[in-house]
Amino acid sequence: MGETSVDDPARAGRSGAALEERARSAHLVGDYAATIGLYERAYQAYRREGELLCAARAARTVSWFRGWIYGEWAVANGWMARSRGLLDQAGDDTQERGWVLLAGVIENFGGTLHGAAENITADLLCATGVVAELT
């Protein structure tokens, strides 16, 4: 009786998935401050829900906005470290790790996909499933 269902309307708007969906909507209309805030809240909700891979994705997304939109690279690096830590904790070796690796490679090669692409092997991208998602 004391359990709360994910379908509970009072909690539904605070679930990681609901917050992430709202973050995507805020991004589509260009409200980057709201986007970041909602992804940060999604990260917290996913952690609470035990959804480590989803929390890692939210952290990676916050990192991207903090770095590439606001130029807050120290903050971005902290969020990326959170994402990596969650992926390590989850033992993840899927597409999410590929996106985190790709973000790190791009950063290490001057922040351009072109510069990074010249230095990344296809094996890395194929092994993590990122190639299938990009094509």
Protein backbone atom coordinates (compact mmCIF):
# COMPACT_ATOMS: atom_id res chain seq x y z
CA MET A 1 0.00 0.00 0.00
CA GLY A 2 2.84 2.41 0.70
CA GLU A 3 4.33 1.98 -2.78
CA THR A 4 4.10 4.74 -5.36
CA SER A 5 3.60 3.70 -8.95
CA VAL A 6 5.51 5.32 -11.79
CA ASP A 7 2.08 5.83 -13.35
CA ASP A 8 1.05 7.98 -10.37
CA PRO A 9 0.13 11.38 -11.87
CA ALA A 10 1.70 13.19 -8.91
CA ARG A 11 5.09 11.63 -9.69
CA ALA A 12 4.80 11.27 -13.46
CA GLY A 13 5.96 14.85 -14.17
CA ARG A 14 9.01 14.34 -11.98
CA SER A 15 10.17 11.08 -13.55
CA GLY A 16 13.47 11.10 -15.39
CA ALA A 17 11.72 10.31 -18.66
CA ALA A 18 9.18 13.11 -18.26
CA LEU A 19 11.88 15.64 -17.35
CA GLU A 20 14.06 14.55 -20.26
CA GLU A 21 11.12 14.95 -22.65
CA ARG A 22 10.50 18.45 -21.32
CA ALA A 23 14.21 19.20 -21.75
CA ARG A 24 14.03 18.16 -25.40
CA SER A 25 11.02 20.43 -25.90
CA ALA A 26 12.85 23.36 -24.29
CA HIS A 27 15.82 22.71 -26.58
CA LEU A 28 13.60 22.73 -29.66
CA VAL A 29 12.38 26.24 -28.85
CA GLY A 30 15.90 27.46 -28.03
CA ASP A 31 15.44 27.88 -24.28
CA TYR A 32 18.89 26.60 -23.33
CA ALA A 33 18.76 27.66 -19.68
CA ALA A 34 15.56 25.67 -19.18
CA THR A 35 17.02 22.79 -21.20
CA ILE A 36 20.02 22.51 -18.91
CA GLY A 37 17.93 22.79 -15.76
CA LEU A 38 15.55 20.09 -16.94
CA TYR A 39 18.36 17.73 -17.96
CA GLU A 40 19.99 18.27 -14.56
CA ARG A 41 16.70 17.38 -12.88
CA ALA A 42 16.31 14.37 -15.20
CA TYR A 43 19.79 13.24 -14.14
CA GLN A 44 18.78 13.42 -10.48
CA ALA A 45 15.49 11.62 -11.13
CA TYR A 46 17.18 8.85 -13.11
CA ARG A 47 19.71 8.38 -10.29
CA ARG A 48 16.84 8.14 -7.81
CA GLU A 49 15.10 5.63 -10.10
CA GLY A 50 18.26 3.53 -10.46
CA GLU A 51 18.42 4.15 -14.22
CA LEU A 52 22.20 4.53 -14.53
CA LEU A 53 22.40 4.56 -18.34
CA CYS A 54 19.66 7.17 -18.58
CA ALA A 55 21.39 9.25 -15.89
CA ALA A 56 24.66 8.94 -17.84
CA ARG A 57 22.91 10.20 -21.00
CA ALA A 58 21.42 13.15 -19.13
CA ALA A 59 24.82 14.01 -17.63
CA ARG A 60 26.48 13.82 -21.06
CA THR A 61 23.81 16.12 -22.47
CA VAL A 62 24.26 18.67 -19.67
CA SER A 63 28.00 18.51 -20.37
CA TRP A 64 27.45 19.30 -24.03
CA PHE A 65 25.24 22.32 -23.32
CA ARG A 66 27.53 23.64 -20.58
CA GLY A 67 30.58 23.41 -22.81
CA TRP A 68 29.44 24.09 -26.34
CA ILE A 69 26.62 26.54 -25.68
CA TYR A 70 27.86 28.40 -22.60
CA GLY A 71 31.63 27.80 -22.80
CA GLU A 72 31.68 26.53 -19.21
CA TRP A 73 34.28 23.86 -19.89
CA ALA A 74 35.20 23.13 -16.27
CA VAL A 75 31.53 22.52 -15.47
CA ALA A 76 31.14 20.49 -18.68
CA ASN A 77 34.10 18.31 -17.73
CA GLY A 78 32.53 17.63 -14.34
CA TRP A 79 29.29 16.48 -15.96
CA MET A 80 31.21 14.31 -18.43
CA ALA A 81 33.08 12.73 -15.52
CA ARG A 82 29.72 11.91 -13.92
CA SER A 83 28.58 10.28 -17.14
CA ARG A 84 31.76 8.20 -17.41
CA GLY A 85 31.49 7.15 -13.76
CA LEU A 86 27.91 5.97 -14.22
CA LEU A 87 28.83 4.05 -17.35
CA ASP A 88 31.69 2.38 -15.48
CA GLN A 89 29.36 1.59 -12.59
CA ALA A 90 26.76 0.12 -14.95
CA GLY A 91 29.39 -1.86 -16.84
CA ASP A 92 27.99 -0.34 -20.00
CA ASP A 93 29.59 -1.09 -23.34
CA THR A 94 26.82 0.18 -25.60
CA GLN A 95 26.12 3.26 -27.70
CA GLU A 96 26.09 5.56 -24.69
CA ARG A 97 29.77 4.81 -24.00
CA GLY A 98 30.45 5.45 -27.68
CA TRP A 99 28.92 8.93 -27.45
CA VAL A 100 30.99 9.71 -24.36
CA LEU A 101 34.16 8.46 -26.08
CA LEU A 102 33.34 10.47 -29.20
CA ALA A 103 32.81 13.64 -27.14
CA GLY A 104 36.21 13.12 -25.50
CA VAL A 105 37.95 12.56 -28.82
CA ILE A 106 36.37 15.64 -30.39
CA GLU A 107 37.46 17.72 -27.43
CA ASN A 108 41.01 16.38 -27.67
CA PHE A 109 41.27 17.25 -31.36
CA GLY A 110 40.42 20.91 -31.24
CA GLY A 111 36.67 20.64 -30.88
CA THR A 112 35.92 19.77 -34.49
CA LEU A 113 34.30 16.62 -35.74
CA HIS A 114 36.46 16.81 -38.87
CA GLY A 115 39.68 16.87 -36.84
CA ALA A 116 38.48 14.05 -34.66
CA ALA A 117 37.21 11.96 -37.57
CA GLU A 118 40.67 11.89 -39.08
CA ASN A 119 41.98 10.36 -35.87
CA ILE A 120 39.22 7.91 -34.88
CA THR A 121 39.20 4.38 -36.19
CA ALA A 122 36.01 2.90 -37.59
CA ASP A 123 36.45 -0.02 -35.20
CA LEU A 124 35.84 2.22 -32.18
CA LEU A 125 32.63 3.59 -33.63
CA CYS A 126 31.37 0.24 -34.90
CA ALA A 127 32.16 -1.59 -31.66
CA THR A 128 30.04 0.83 -29.66
CA GLY A 129 27.16 1.09 -32.16
CA VAL A 130 27.59 4.81 -32.80
CA VAL A 131 28.08 4.32 -36.55
CA ALA A 132 24.65 2.75 -36.89
CA GLU A 133 23.08 5.68 -35.06
CA LEU A 134 24.89 8.31 -37.14
CA THR A 135 23.98 6.80 -40.51
